[in-house]
Amino acid sequence: MEDLSTSLPADSDAARQARAVIGDWADGCDEADRDDVIIAASELVNDSVRHSPPGGRVVLKLTSFGSILRVQVIDDSPSRIVSAQSESRNAVRMLDAVADDWGVSFAPTQVWFTARCAA
């Protein structure tokens, strides 16, 4: 898999676009692994859209390291706390369930996760 970066509008169509991009990009993965990555990334994109300012953009970066996939969702929202108690709780629960590791950084806001991709 080649690394991929794509910019999505911060609107209601962003998650659908992200699912399509990831589905094509991770086509060589086991279906269950690919579906887990698609669902988790979709939750992160929805969260980014929710917190982005009007007219904002969401960037989806996809990187593979052998059988490990790294997904980054970057937006230009003001810094926010991502925790199990915040509006981001669905994304956090999804990441806890499917990701090997995940984290968040700010300026700009970036949430990333890694997951295994069996062939």
PDB file of N, CA and C in Angstrom:
ATOM      1  N   MET A   1       0.825  -1.176   0.000  1.00  0.00           N
ATOM      2  CA  MET A   1       0.000   0.000   0.000  1.00  0.00           C
ATOM      3  C   MET A   1       0.872   1.243   0.000  1.00  0.00           C
ATOM      4  N   GLU A   2       0.550   2.157  -0.857  1.00  0.00           N
ATOM      5  CA  GLU A   2       1.250   3.436  -0.903  1.00  0.00           C
ATOM      6  C   GLU A   2       0.642   4.378   0.119  1.00  0.00           C
ATOM      7  N   ASP A   3       1.475   5.242   0.701  1.00  0.00           N
ATOM      8  CA  ASP A   3       0.962   6.250   1.619  1.00  0.00           C
ATOM      9  C   ASP A   3       0.022   7.170   0.859  1.00  0.00           C
ATOM     10  N   LEU A   4      -0.965   7.682   1.569  1.00  0.00           N
ATOM     11  CA  LEU A   4      -1.991   8.499   0.930  1.00  0.00           C
ATOM     12  C   LEU A   4      -2.396   9.620   1.867  1.00  0.00           C
ATOM     13  N   SER A   5      -2.609  10.795   1.322  1.00  0.00           N
ATOM     14  CA  SER A   5      -3.130  11.934   2.074  1.00  0.00           C
ATOM     15  C   SER A   5      -4.196  12.588   1.222  1.00  0.00           C
ATOM     16  N   THR A   6      -5.361  12.842   1.824  1.00  0.00           N
ATOM     17  CA  THR A   6      -6.434  13.487   1.091  1.00  0.00           C
ATOM     18  C   THR A   6      -7.148  14.482   1.985  1.00  0.00           C
ATOM     19  N   SER A   7      -7.573  15.571   1.380  1.00  0.00           N
ATOM     20  CA  SER A   7      -8.288  16.620   2.098  1.00  0.00           C
ATOM     21  C   SER A   7      -9.777  16.449   1.843  1.00  0.00           C
ATOM     22  N   LEU A   8     -10.549  16.509   2.914  1.00  0.00           N
ATOM     23  CA  LEU A   8     -11.998  16.352   2.837  1.00  0.00           C
ATOM     24  C   LEU A   8     -12.665  17.622   3.348  1.00  0.00           C
ATOM     25  N   PRO A   9     -13.816  17.985   2.777  1.00  0.00           N
ATOM     26  CA  PRO A   9     -14.537  19.127   3.333  1.00  0.00           C
ATOM     27  C   PRO A   9     -15.098  18.746   4.701  1.00  0.00           C
ATOM     28  N   ALA A  10     -15.121  19.676   5.618  1.00  0.00           N
ATOM     29  CA  ALA A  10     -15.659  19.405   6.954  1.00  0.00           C
ATOM     30  C   ALA A  10     -17.183  19.517   6.900  1.00  0.00           C
ATOM     31  N   ASP A  11     -17.793  18.535   6.226  1.00  0.00           N
ATOM     32  CA  ASP A  11     -19.248  18.540   6.100  1.00  0.00           C
ATOM     33  C   ASP A  11     -19.797  17.131   6.278  1.00  0.00           C
ATOM     34  N   SER A  12     -21.086  16.984   6.122  1.00  0.00           N
ATOM     35  CA  SER A  12     -21.748  15.703   6.396  1.00  0.00           C
ATOM     36  C   SER A  12     -21.338  14.588   5.443  1.00  0.00           C
ATOM     37  N   ASP A  13     -20.673  14.909   4.353  1.00  0.00           N
ATOM     38  CA  ASP A  13     -20.245  13.896   3.390  1.00  0.00           C
ATOM     39  C   ASP A  13     -18.827  13.390   3.659  1.00  0.00           C
ATOM     40  N   ALA A  14     -18.116  14.008   4.583  1.00  0.00           N
ATOM     41  CA  ALA A  14     -16.700  13.680   4.806  1.00  0.00           C
ATOM     42  C   ALA A  14     -16.498  12.235   5.237  1.00  0.00           C
ATOM     43  N   ALA A  15     -17.310  11.732   6.151  1.00  0.00           N
ATOM     44  CA  ALA A  15     -17.131  10.360   6.638  1.00  0.00           C
ATOM     45  C   ALA A  15     -17.366   9.353   5.515  1.00  0.00           C
ATOM     46  N   ARG A  16     -18.367   9.590   4.670  1.00  0.00           N
ATOM     47  CA  ARG A  16     -18.621   8.691   3.544  1.00  0.00           C
ATOM     48  C   ARG A  16     -17.418   8.679   2.601  1.00  0.00           C
ATOM     49  N   GLN A  17     -16.875   9.868   2.331  1.00  0.00           N
ATOM     50  CA  GLN A  17     -15.703   9.952   1.460  1.00  0.00           C
ATOM     51  C   GLN A  17     -14.511   9.228   2.083  1.00  0.00           C
ATOM     52  N   ALA A  18     -14.331   9.388   3.382  1.00  0.00           N
ATOM     53  CA  ALA A  18     -13.218   8.719   4.074  1.00  0.00           C
ATOM     54  C   ALA A  18     -13.381   7.205   4.002  1.00  0.00           C
ATOM     55  N   ARG A  19     -14.595   6.703   4.200  1.00  0.00           N
ATOM     56  CA  ARG A  19     -14.817   5.251   4.113  1.00  0.00           C
ATOM     57  C   ARG A  19     -14.454   4.721   2.730  1.00  0.00           C
ATOM     58  N   ALA A  20     -14.830   5.448   1.685  1.00  0.00           N
ATOM     59  CA  ALA A  20     -14.519   5.020   0.318  1.00  0.00           C
ATOM     60  C   ALA A  20     -13.008   5.018   0.072  1.00  0.00           C
ATOM     61  N   VAL A  21     -12.330   6.070   0.512  1.00  0.00           N
ATOM     62  CA  VAL A  21     -10.876   6.172   0.324  1.00  0.00           C
ATOM     63  C   VAL A  21     -10.162   5.033   1.046  1.00  0.00           C
ATOM     64  N   ILE A  22     -10.528   4.802   2.302  1.00  0.00           N
ATOM     65  CA  ILE A  22      -9.864   3.762   3.086  1.00  0.00           C
ATOM     66  C   ILE A  22     -10.186   2.381   2.535  1.00  0.00           C
ATOM     67  N   GLY A  23     -11.416   2.162   2.116  1.00  0.00           N
ATOM     68  CA  GLY A  23     -11.791   0.872   1.538  1.00  0.00           C
ATOM     69  C   GLY A  23     -10.947   0.525   0.326  1.00  0.00           C
ATOM     70  N   ASP A  24     -10.719   1.507  -0.537  1.00  0.00           N
ATOM     71  CA  ASP A  24      -9.864   1.287  -1.715  1.00  0.00           C
ATOM     72  C   ASP A  24      -8.412   1.103  -1.309  1.00  0.00           C
ATOM     73  N   TRP A  25      -7.936   1.944  -0.389  1.00  0.00           N
ATOM     74  CA  TRP A  25      -6.531   1.914   0.017  1.00  0.00           C
ATOM     75  C   TRP A  25      -6.172   0.604   0.709  1.00  0.00           C
ATOM     76  N   ALA A  26      -7.055   0.101   1.562  1.00  0.00           N
ATOM     77  CA  ALA A  26      -6.766  -1.101   2.356  1.00  0.00           C
ATOM     78  C   ALA A  26      -7.391  -2.350   1.739  1.00  0.00           C
ATOM     79  N   ASP A  27      -7.551  -2.340   0.444  1.00  0.00           N
ATOM     80  CA  ASP A  27      -8.211  -3.441  -0.262  1.00  0.00           C
ATOM     81  C   ASP A  27      -7.527  -4.784  -0.053  1.00  0.00           C
ATOM     82  N   GLY A  28      -6.220  -4.804   0.184  1.00  0.00           N
ATOM     83  CA  GLY A  28      -5.497  -6.053   0.372  1.00  0.00           C
ATOM     84  C   GLY A  28      -5.604  -6.629   1.770  1.00  0.00           C
ATOM     85  N   CYS A  29      -6.275  -5.927   2.667  1.00  0.00           N
ATOM     86  CA  CYS A  29      -6.415  -6.395   4.046  1.00  0.00           C
ATOM     87  C   CYS A  29      -7.547  -7.400   4.179  1.00  0.00           C
ATOM     88  N   ASP A  30      -7.438  -8.206   5.205  1.00  0.00           N
ATOM     89  CA  ASP A  30      -8.532  -9.061   5.614  1.00  0.00           C
ATOM     90  C   ASP A  30      -9.776  -8.175   5.793  1.00  0.00           C
ATOM     91  N   GLU A  31     -10.933  -8.667   5.375  1.00  0.00           N
ATOM     92  CA  GLU A  31     -12.146  -7.853   5.399  1.00  0.00           C
ATOM     93  C   GLU A  31     -12.493  -7.339   6.796  1.00  0.00           C
ATOM     94  N   ALA A  32     -12.360  -8.172   7.812  1.00  0.00           N
ATOM     95  CA  ALA A  32     -12.694  -7.744   9.175  1.00  0.00           C
ATOM     96  C   ALA A  32     -11.747  -6.638   9.642  1.00  0.00           C
ATOM     97  N   ASP A  33     -10.442  -6.784   9.364  1.00  0.00           N
ATOM     98  CA  ASP A  33      -9.478  -5.744   9.747  1.00  0.00           C
ATOM     99  C   ASP A  33      -9.781  -4.440   9.011  1.00  0.00           C
ATOM    100  N   ARG A  34     -10.031  -4.545   7.715  1.00  0.00           N
ATOM    101  CA  ARG A  34     -10.333  -3.354   6.913  1.00  0.00           C
ATOM    102  C   ARG A  34     -11.595  -2.665   7.439  1.00  0.00           C
ATOM    103  N   ASP A  35     -12.624  -3.438   7.749  1.00  0.00           N
ATOM    104  CA  ASP A  35     -13.864  -2.848   8.256  1.00  0.00           C
ATOM    105  C   ASP A  35     -13.639  -2.143   9.586  1.00  0.00           C
ATOM    106  N   ASP A  36     -12.827  -2.732  10.465  1.00  0.00           N
ATOM    107  CA  ASP A  36     -12.513  -2.079  11.743  1.00  0.00           C
ATOM    108  C   ASP A  36     -11.831  -0.726  11.518  1.00  0.00           C
ATOM    109  N   VAL A  37     -10.878  -0.691  10.607  1.00  0.00           N
ATOM    110  CA  VAL A  37     -10.160   0.552  10.315  1.00  0.00           C
ATOM    111  C   VAL A  37     -11.126   1.579   9.722  1.00  0.00           C
ATOM    112  N   ILE A  38     -11.973   1.145   8.819  1.00  0.00           N
ATOM    113  CA  ILE A  38     -12.933   2.056   8.186  1.00  0.00           C
ATOM    114  C   ILE A  38     -13.872   2.656   9.236  1.00  0.00           C
ATOM    115  N   ILE A  39     -14.400   1.833  10.111  1.00  0.00           N
ATOM    116  CA  ILE A  39     -15.346   2.320  11.118  1.00  0.00           C
ATOM    117  C   ILE A  39     -14.663   3.277  12.088  1.00  0.00           C
ATOM    118  N   ALA A  40     -13.474   2.919  12.572  1.00  0.00           N
ATOM    119  CA  ALA A  40     -12.769   3.791  13.513  1.00  0.00           C
ATOM    120  C   ALA A  40     -12.416   5.127  12.862  1.00  0.00           C
ATOM    121  N   ALA A  41     -11.909   5.091  11.645  1.00  0.00           N
ATOM    122  CA  ALA A  41     -11.543   6.331  10.957  1.00  0.00           C
ATOM    123  C   ALA A  41     -12.784   7.183  10.688  1.00  0.00           C
ATOM    124  N   SER A  42     -13.876   6.551  10.354  1.00  0.00           N
ATOM    125  CA  SER A  42     -15.125   7.266  10.111  1.00  0.00           C
ATOM    126  C   SER A  42     -15.581   8.017  11.361  1.00  0.00           C
ATOM    127  N   GLU A  43     -15.456   7.383  12.518  1.00  0.00           N
ATOM    128  CA  GLU A  43     -15.803   8.049  13.784  1.00  0.00           C
ATOM    129  C   GLU A  43     -14.898   9.262  14.014  1.00  0.00           C
ATOM    130  N   LEU A  44     -13.604   9.111  13.724  1.00  0.00           N
ATOM    131  CA  LEU A  44     -12.687  10.242  13.908  1.00  0.00           C
ATOM    132  C   LEU A  44     -13.010  11.386  12.951  1.00  0.00           C
ATOM    133  N   VAL A  45     -13.336  11.054  11.715  1.00  0.00           N
ATOM    134  CA  VAL A  45     -13.690  12.095  10.742  1.00  0.00           C
ATOM    135  C   VAL A  45     -14.969  12.800  11.186  1.00  0.00           C
ATOM    136  N   ASN A  46     -15.975  12.044  11.610  1.00  0.00           N
ATOM    137  CA  ASN A  46     -17.204  12.680  12.110  1.00  0.00           C
ATOM    138  C   ASN A  46     -16.905  13.622  13.268  1.00  0.00           C
ATOM    139  N   ASP A  47     -16.029  13.198  14.165  1.00  0.00           N
ATOM    140  CA  ASP A  47     -15.656  14.022  15.300  1.00  0.00           C
ATOM    141  C   ASP A  47     -14.952  15.294  14.836  1.00  0.00           C
ATOM    142  N   SER A  48     -14.063  15.169  13.866  1.00  0.00           N
ATOM    143  CA  SER A  48     -13.362  16.345  13.331  1.00  0.00           C
ATOM    144  C   SER A  48     -14.337  17.312  12.678  1.00  0.00           C
ATOM    145  N   VAL A  49     -15.289  16.778  11.927  1.00  0.00           N
ATOM    146  CA  VAL A  49     -16.284  17.635  11.283  1.00  0.00           C
ATOM    147  C   VAL A  49     -17.077  18.393  12.348  1.00  0.00           C
ATOM    148  N   ARG A  50     -17.463  17.696  13.398  1.00  0.00           N
ATOM    149  CA  ARG A  50     -18.248  18.307  14.478  1.00  0.00           C
ATOM    150  C   ARG A  50     -17.498  19.482  15.113  1.00  0.00           C
ATOM    151  N   HIS A  51     -16.190  19.384  15.216  1.00  0.00           N
ATOM    152  CA  HIS A  51     -15.405  20.411  15.912  1.00  0.00           C
ATOM    153  C   HIS A  51     -14.754  21.432  14.991  1.00  0.00           C
ATOM    154  N   SER A  52     -14.835  21.218  13.685  1.00  0.00           N
ATOM    155  CA  SER A  52     -14.196  22.146  12.750  1.00  0.00           C
ATOM    156  C   SER A  52     -15.031  23.408  12.566  1.00  0.00           C
ATOM    157  N   PRO A  53     -14.364  24.524  12.316  1.00  0.00           N
ATOM    158  CA  PRO A  53     -15.095  25.759  12.049  1.00  0.00           C
ATOM    159  C   PRO A  53     -15.777  25.684  10.685  1.00  0.00           C
ATOM    160  N   PRO A  54     -16.794  26.509  10.453  1.00  0.00           N
ATOM    161  CA  PRO A  54     -17.448  26.524   9.137  1.00  0.00           C
ATOM    162  C   PRO A  54     -16.413  26.722   8.028  1.00  0.00           C
ATOM    163  N   GLY A  55     -16.548  25.951   6.976  1.00  0.00           N
ATOM    164  CA  GLY A  55     -15.602  26.030   5.862  1.00  0.00           C
ATOM    165  C   GLY A  55     -14.286  25.328   6.118  1.00  0.00           C
ATOM    166  N   GLY A  56     -14.188  24.622   7.245  1.00  0.00           N
ATOM    167  CA  GLY A  56     -12.946  23.943   7.599  1.00  0.00           C
ATOM    168  C   GLY A  56     -12.663  22.735   6.722  1.00  0.00           C
ATOM    169  N   ARG A  57     -11.486  22.191   6.886  1.00  0.00           N
ATOM    170  CA  ARG A  57     -11.059  21.005   6.133  1.00  0.00           C
ATOM    171  C   ARG A  57     -10.608  19.941   7.122  1.00  0.00           C
ATOM    172  N   VAL A  58     -10.739  18.704   6.695  1.00  0.00           N
ATOM    173  CA  VAL A  58     -10.252  17.556   7.449  1.00  0.00           C
ATOM    174  C   VAL A  58      -9.276  16.824   6.540  1.00  0.00           C
ATOM    175  N   VAL A  59      -8.102  16.516   7.051  1.00  0.00           N
ATOM    176  CA  VAL A  59      -7.103  15.792   6.267  1.00  0.00           C
ATOM    177  C   VAL A  59      -7.020  14.371   6.802  1.00  0.00           C
ATOM    178  N   LEU A  60      -7.083  13.424   5.900  1.00  0.00           N
ATOM    179  CA  LEU A  60      -6.962  12.009   6.207  1.00  0.00           C
ATOM    180  C   LEU A  60      -5.628  11.534   5.659  1.00  0.00           C
ATOM    181  N   LYS A  61      -4.748  11.047   6.541  1.00  0.00           N
ATOM    182  CA  LYS A  61      -3.445  10.522   6.128  1.00  0.00           C
ATOM    183  C   LYS A  61      -3.397   9.043   6.455  1.00  0.00           C
ATOM    184  N   LEU A  62      -3.019   8.253   5.479  1.00  0.00           N
ATOM    185  CA  LEU A  62      -2.956   6.799   5.611  1.00  0.00           C
ATOM    186  C   LEU A  62      -1.539   6.338   5.297  1.00  0.00           C
ATOM    187  N   THR A  63      -0.969   5.583   6.207  1.00  0.00           N
ATOM    188  CA  THR A  63       0.405   5.101   6.064  1.00  0.00           C
ATOM    189  C   THR A  63       0.431   3.626   6.442  1.00  0.00           C
ATOM    190  N   SER A  64       1.225   2.848   5.728  1.00  0.00           N
ATOM    191  CA  SER A  64       1.369   1.440   6.113  1.00  0.00           C
ATOM    192  C   SER A  64       2.832   1.139   6.380  1.00  0.00           C
ATOM    193  N   PHE A  65       3.044   0.313   7.378  1.00  0.00           N
ATOM    194  CA  PHE A  65       4.363  -0.193   7.746  1.00  0.00           C
ATOM    195  C   PHE A  65       4.231  -1.704   7.768  1.00  0.00           C
ATOM    196  N   GLY A  66       4.338  -2.330   6.605  1.00  0.00           N
ATOM    197  CA  GLY A  66       4.090  -3.764   6.517  1.00  0.00           C
ATOM    198  C   GLY A  66       2.641  -4.051   6.829  1.00  0.00           C
ATOM    199  N   SER A  67       2.403  -4.844   7.867  1.00  0.00           N
ATOM    200  CA  SER A  67       1.029  -5.203   8.222  1.00  0.00           C
ATOM    201  C   SER A  67       0.393  -4.234   9.219  1.00  0.00           C
ATOM    202  N   ILE A  68       1.080  -3.135   9.525  1.00  0.00           N
ATOM    203  CA  ILE A  68       0.549  -2.131  10.451  1.00  0.00           C
ATOM    204  C   ILE A  68       0.074  -0.926   9.640  1.00  0.00           C
ATOM    205  N   LEU A  69      -1.166  -0.531   9.887  1.00  0.00           N
ATOM    206  CA  LEU A  69      -1.716   0.655   9.247  1.00  0.00           C
ATOM    207  C   LEU A  69      -1.752   1.790  10.258  1.00  0.00           C
ATOM    208  N   ARG A  70      -1.417   2.982   9.799  1.00  0.00           N
ATOM    209  CA  ARG A  70      -1.523   4.181  10.641  1.00  0.00           C
ATOM    210  C   ARG A  70      -2.486   5.132   9.952  1.00  0.00           C
ATOM    211  N   VAL A  71      -3.509   5.547  10.686  1.00  0.00           N
ATOM    212  CA  VAL A  71      -4.513   6.479  10.187  1.00  0.00           C
ATOM    213  C   VAL A  71      -4.415   7.749  11.025  1.00  0.00           C
ATOM    214  N   GLN A  72      -4.308   8.895  10.350  1.00  0.00           N
ATOM    215  CA  GLN A  72      -4.298  10.190  11.022  1.00  0.00           C
ATOM    216  C   GLN A  72      -5.460  11.015  10.482  1.00  0.00           C
ATOM    217  N   VAL A  73      -6.171  11.662  11.380  1.00  0.00           N
ATOM    218  CA  VAL A  73      -7.216  12.599  10.999  1.00  0.00           C
ATOM    219  C   VAL A  73      -6.820  13.944  11.606  1.00  0.00           C
ATOM    220  N   ILE A  74      -6.647  14.927  10.745  1.00  0.00           N
ATOM    221  CA  ILE A  74      -6.142  16.240  11.141  1.00  0.00           C
ATOM    222  C   ILE A  74      -7.193  17.279  10.787  1.00  0.00           C
ATOM    223  N   ASP A  75      -7.453  18.183  11.710  1.00  0.00           N
ATOM    224  CA  ASP A  75      -8.399  19.259  11.408  1.00  0.00           C
ATOM    225  C   ASP A  75      -7.894  20.562  11.995  1.00  0.00           C
ATOM    226  N   ASP A  76      -8.561  21.639  11.629  1.00  0.00           N
ATOM    227  CA  ASP A  76      -8.134  22.954  12.098  1.00  0.00           C
ATOM    228  C   ASP A  76      -9.049  23.479  13.195  1.00  0.00           C
ATOM    229  N   SER A  77      -9.597  22.550  13.975  1.00  0.00           N
ATOM    230  CA  SER A  77     -10.445  22.961  15.090  1.00  0.00           C
ATOM    231  C   SER A  77      -9.584  23.512  16.214  1.00  0.00           C
ATOM    232  N   PRO A  78     -10.193  24.304  17.078  1.00  0.00           N
ATOM    233  CA  PRO A  78      -9.446  24.729  18.265  1.00  0.00           C
ATOM    234  C   PRO A  78      -9.086  23.494  19.090  1.00  0.00           C
ATOM    235  N   SER A  79      -8.046  23.581  19.866  1.00  0.00           N
ATOM    236  CA  SER A  79      -7.636  22.447  20.700  1.00  0.00           C
ATOM    237  C   SER A  79      -8.805  21.979  21.546  1.00  0.00           C
ATOM    238  N   ARG A  80      -8.919  20.678  21.698  1.00  0.00           N
ATOM    239  CA  ARG A  80      -9.969  20.109  22.526  1.00  0.00           C
ATOM    240  C   ARG A  80      -9.414  18.883  23.223  1.00  0.00           C
ATOM    241  N   ILE A  81     -10.035  18.514  24.281  1.00  0.00           N
ATOM    242  CA  ILE A  81      -9.626  17.331  25.023  1.00  0.00           C
ATOM    243  C   ILE A  81     -10.391  16.143  24.475  1.00  0.00           C
ATOM    244  N   VAL A  82      -9.681  15.097  24.124  1.00  0.00           N
ATOM    245  CA  VAL A  82     -10.298  13.864  23.664  1.00  0.00           C
ATOM    246  C   VAL A  82     -10.234  12.892  24.825  1.00  0.00           C
ATOM    247  N   SER A  83     -11.382  12.558  25.360  1.00  0.00           N
ATOM    248  CA  SER A  83     -11.428  11.643  26.494  1.00  0.00           C
ATOM    249  C   SER A  83     -12.721  10.859  26.464  1.00  0.00           C
ATOM    250  N   ALA A  84     -12.806   9.873  27.298  1.00  0.00           N
ATOM    251  CA  ALA A  84     -14.010   9.052  27.365  1.00  0.00           C
ATOM    252  C   ALA A  84     -15.202   9.851  27.892  1.00  0.00           C
ATOM    253  N   GLN A  85     -14.974  11.003  28.477  1.00  0.00           N
ATOM    254  CA  GLN A  85     -16.059  11.820  29.009  1.00  0.00           C
ATOM    255  C   GLN A  85     -16.490  12.929  28.050  1.00  0.00           C
ATOM    256  N   SER A  86     -15.814  13.111  26.955  1.00  0.00           N
ATOM    257  CA  SER A  86     -16.110  14.205  26.042  1.00  0.00           C
ATOM    258  C   SER A  86     -17.091  13.764  24.967  1.00  0.00           C
ATOM    259  N   GLU A  87     -17.421  14.706  24.082  1.00  0.00           N
ATOM    260  CA  GLU A  87     -18.275  14.386  22.941  1.00  0.00           C
ATOM    261  C   GLU A  87     -17.629  13.332  22.053  1.00  0.00           C
ATOM    262  N   SER A  88     -16.351  13.102  22.203  1.00  0.00           N
ATOM    263  CA  SER A  88     -15.596  12.167  21.376  1.00  0.00           C
ATOM    264  C   SER A  88     -15.687  10.733  21.887  1.00  0.00           C
ATOM    265  N   ARG A  89     -16.572  10.451  22.833  1.00  0.00           N
ATOM    266  CA  ARG A  89     -16.575   9.135  23.485  1.00  0.00           C
ATOM    267  C   ARG A  89     -16.805   7.980  22.515  1.00  0.00           C
ATOM    268  N   ASN A  90     -17.605   8.163  21.456  1.00  0.00           N
ATOM    269  CA  ASN A  90     -17.778   7.071  20.490  1.00  0.00           C
ATOM    270  C   ASN A  90     -16.468   6.746  19.789  1.00  0.00           C
ATOM    271  N   ALA A  91     -15.750   7.779  19.395  1.00  0.00           N
ATOM    272  CA  ALA A  91     -14.466   7.560  18.739  1.00  0.00           C
ATOM    273  C   ALA A  91     -13.477   6.910  19.697  1.00  0.00           C
ATOM    274  N   VAL A  92     -13.464   7.351  20.945  1.00  0.00           N
ATOM    275  CA  VAL A  92     -12.541   6.786  21.930  1.00  0.00           C
ATOM    276  C   VAL A  92     -12.858   5.312  22.157  1.00  0.00           C
ATOM    277  N   ARG A  93     -14.126   4.981  22.324  1.00  0.00           N
ATOM    278  CA  ARG A  93     -14.491   3.568  22.513  1.00  0.00           C
ATOM    279  C   ARG A  93     -14.093   2.728  21.306  1.00  0.00           C
ATOM    280  N   MET A  94     -14.303   3.274  20.116  1.00  0.00           N
ATOM    281  CA  MET A  94     -13.937   2.545  18.902  1.00  0.00           C
ATOM    282  C   MET A  94     -12.426   2.342  18.846  1.00  0.00           C
ATOM    283  N   LEU A  95     -11.662   3.381  19.156  1.00  0.00           N
ATOM    284  CA  LEU A  95     -10.203   3.255  19.138  1.00  0.00           C
ATOM    285  C   LEU A  95      -9.726   2.246  20.169  1.00  0.00           C
ATOM    286  N   ASP A  96     -10.302   2.288  21.351  1.00  0.00           N
ATOM    287  CA  ASP A  96      -9.921   1.321  22.379  1.00  0.00           C
ATOM    288  C   ASP A  96     -10.210  -0.111  21.931  1.00  0.00           C
ATOM    289  N   ALA A  97     -11.253  -0.296  21.140  1.00  0.00           N
ATOM    290  CA  ALA A  97     -11.654  -1.637  20.706  1.00  0.00           C
ATOM    291  C   ALA A  97     -10.807  -2.168  19.555  1.00  0.00           C
ATOM    292  N   VAL A  98     -10.425  -1.307  18.600  1.00  0.00           N
ATOM    293  CA  VAL A  98      -9.791  -1.834  17.377  1.00  0.00           C
ATOM    294  C   VAL A  98      -8.335  -1.437  17.195  1.00  0.00           C
ATOM    295  N   ALA A  99      -7.883  -0.388  17.864  1.00  0.00           N
ATOM    296  CA  ALA A  99      -6.529   0.105  17.613  1.00  0.00           C
ATOM    297  C   ALA A  99      -5.502  -0.594  18.492  1.00  0.00           C
ATOM    298  N   ASP A 100      -4.315  -0.807  17.921  1.00  0.00           N
ATOM    299  CA  ASP A 100      -3.189  -1.290  18.712  1.00  0.00           C
ATOM    300  C   ASP A 100      -2.670  -0.166  19.600  1.00  0.00           C
ATOM    301  N   ASP A 101      -2.736   1.053  19.083  1.00  0.00           N
ATOM    302  CA  ASP A 101      -2.258   2.229  19.795  1.00  0.00           C
ATOM    303  C   ASP A 101      -2.965   3.433  19.199  1.00  0.00           C
ATOM    304  N   TRP A 102      -3.114   4.490  19.964  1.00  0.00           N
ATOM    305  CA  TRP A 102      -3.680   5.728  19.433  1.00  0.00           C
ATOM    306  C   TRP A 102      -3.249   6.898  20.293  1.00  0.00           C
ATOM    307  N   GLY A 103      -3.381   8.099  19.721  1.00  0.00           N
ATOM    308  CA  GLY A 103      -2.996   9.279  20.457  1.00  0.00           C
ATOM    309  C   GLY A 103      -3.558  10.530  19.814  1.00  0.00           C
ATOM    310  N   VAL A 104      -3.300  11.634  20.461  1.00  0.00           N
ATOM    311  CA  VAL A 104      -3.789  12.929  19.981  1.00  0.00           C
ATOM    312  C   VAL A 104      -2.718  13.975  20.215  1.00  0.00           C
ATOM    313  N   SER A 105      -2.631  14.930  19.308  1.00  0.00           N
ATOM    314  CA  SER A 105      -1.751  16.084  19.478  1.00  0.00           C
ATOM    315  C   SER A 105      -2.498  17.306  18.958  1.00  0.00           C
ATOM    316  N   PHE A 106      -1.967  18.471  19.259  1.00  0.00           N
ATOM    317  CA  PHE A 106      -2.667  19.710  18.933  1.00  0.00           C
ATOM    318  C   PHE A 106      -1.795  20.657  18.135  1.00  0.00           C
ATOM    319  N   ALA A 107      -2.477  21.620  17.515  1.00  0.00           N
ATOM    320  CA  ALA A 107      -1.877  22.707  16.718  1.00  0.00           C
ATOM    321  C   ALA A 107      -1.191  22.181  15.471  1.00  0.00           C
ATOM    322  N   PRO A 108      -1.913  21.647  14.520  1.00  0.00           N
ATOM    323  CA  PRO A 108      -3.358  21.433  14.464  1.00  0.00           C
ATOM    324  C   PRO A 108      -3.763  20.167  15.229  1.00  0.00           C
ATOM    325  N   THR A 109      -5.062  20.013  15.441  1.00  0.00           N
ATOM    326  CA  THR A 109      -5.560  18.836  16.135  1.00  0.00           C
ATOM    327  C   THR A 109      -5.356  17.609  15.249  1.00  0.00           C
ATOM    328  N   GLN A 110      -4.690  16.597  15.790  1.00  0.00           N
ATOM    329  CA  GLN A 110      -4.439  15.346  15.073  1.00  0.00           C
ATOM    330  C   GLN A 110      -4.774  14.180  15.986  1.00  0.00           C
ATOM    331  N   VAL A 111      -5.603  13.285  15.507  1.00  0.00           N
ATOM    332  CA  VAL A 111      -5.860  12.041  16.214  1.00  0.00           C
ATOM    333  C   VAL A 111      -5.391  10.931  15.288  1.00  0.00           C
ATOM    334  N   TRP A 112      -4.630   9.998  15.829  1.00  0.00           N
ATOM    335  CA  TRP A 112      -4.070   8.929  15.015  1.00  0.00           C
ATOM    336  C   TRP A 112      -4.291   7.595  15.715  1.00  0.00           C
ATOM    337  N   PHE A 113      -4.256   6.539  14.920  1.00  0.00           N
ATOM    338  CA  PHE A 113      -4.273   5.192  15.494  1.00  0.00           C
ATOM    339  C   PHE A 113      -3.538   4.245  14.570  1.00  0.00           C
ATOM    340  N   THR A 114      -3.073   3.149  15.143  1.00  0.00           N
ATOM    341  CA  THR A 114      -2.479   2.077  14.364  1.00  0.00           C
ATOM    342  C   THR A 114      -3.312   0.829  14.562  1.00  0.00           C
ATOM    343  N   ALA A 115      -3.350   0.005  13.534  1.00  0.00           N
ATOM    344  CA  ALA A 115      -4.097  -1.247  13.595  1.00  0.00           C
ATOM    345  C   ALA A 115      -3.420  -2.266  12.687  1.00  0.00           C
ATOM    346  N   ARG A 116      -3.586  -3.513  13.003  1.00  0.00           N
ATOM    347  CA  ARG A 116      -3.022  -4.588  12.183  1.00  0.00           C
ATOM    348  C   ARG A 116      -3.913  -4.862  10.980  1.00  0.00           C
ATOM    349  N   CYS A 117      -3.260  -5.284   9.908  1.00  0.00           N
ATOM    350  CA  CYS A 117      -3.970  -5.577   8.668  1.00  0.00           C
ATOM    351  C   CYS A 117      -3.459  -6.925   8.153  1.00  0.00           C
ATOM    352  N   ALA A 118      -4.187  -7.976   8.466  1.00  0.00           N
ATOM    353  CA  ALA A 118      -3.825  -9.287   7.947  1.00  0.00           C
ATOM    354  C   ALA A 118      -4.189  -9.353   6.470  1.00  0.00           C
ATOM    355  N   ALA A 119      -3.363 -10.000   5.701  1.00  0.00           N
ATOM    356  CA  ALA A 119      -3.633 -10.131   4.262  1.00  0.00           C
ATOM    357  C   ALA A 119      -4.548 -11.298   3.980  1.00  0.00           C
TER     358      ALA A 119
END
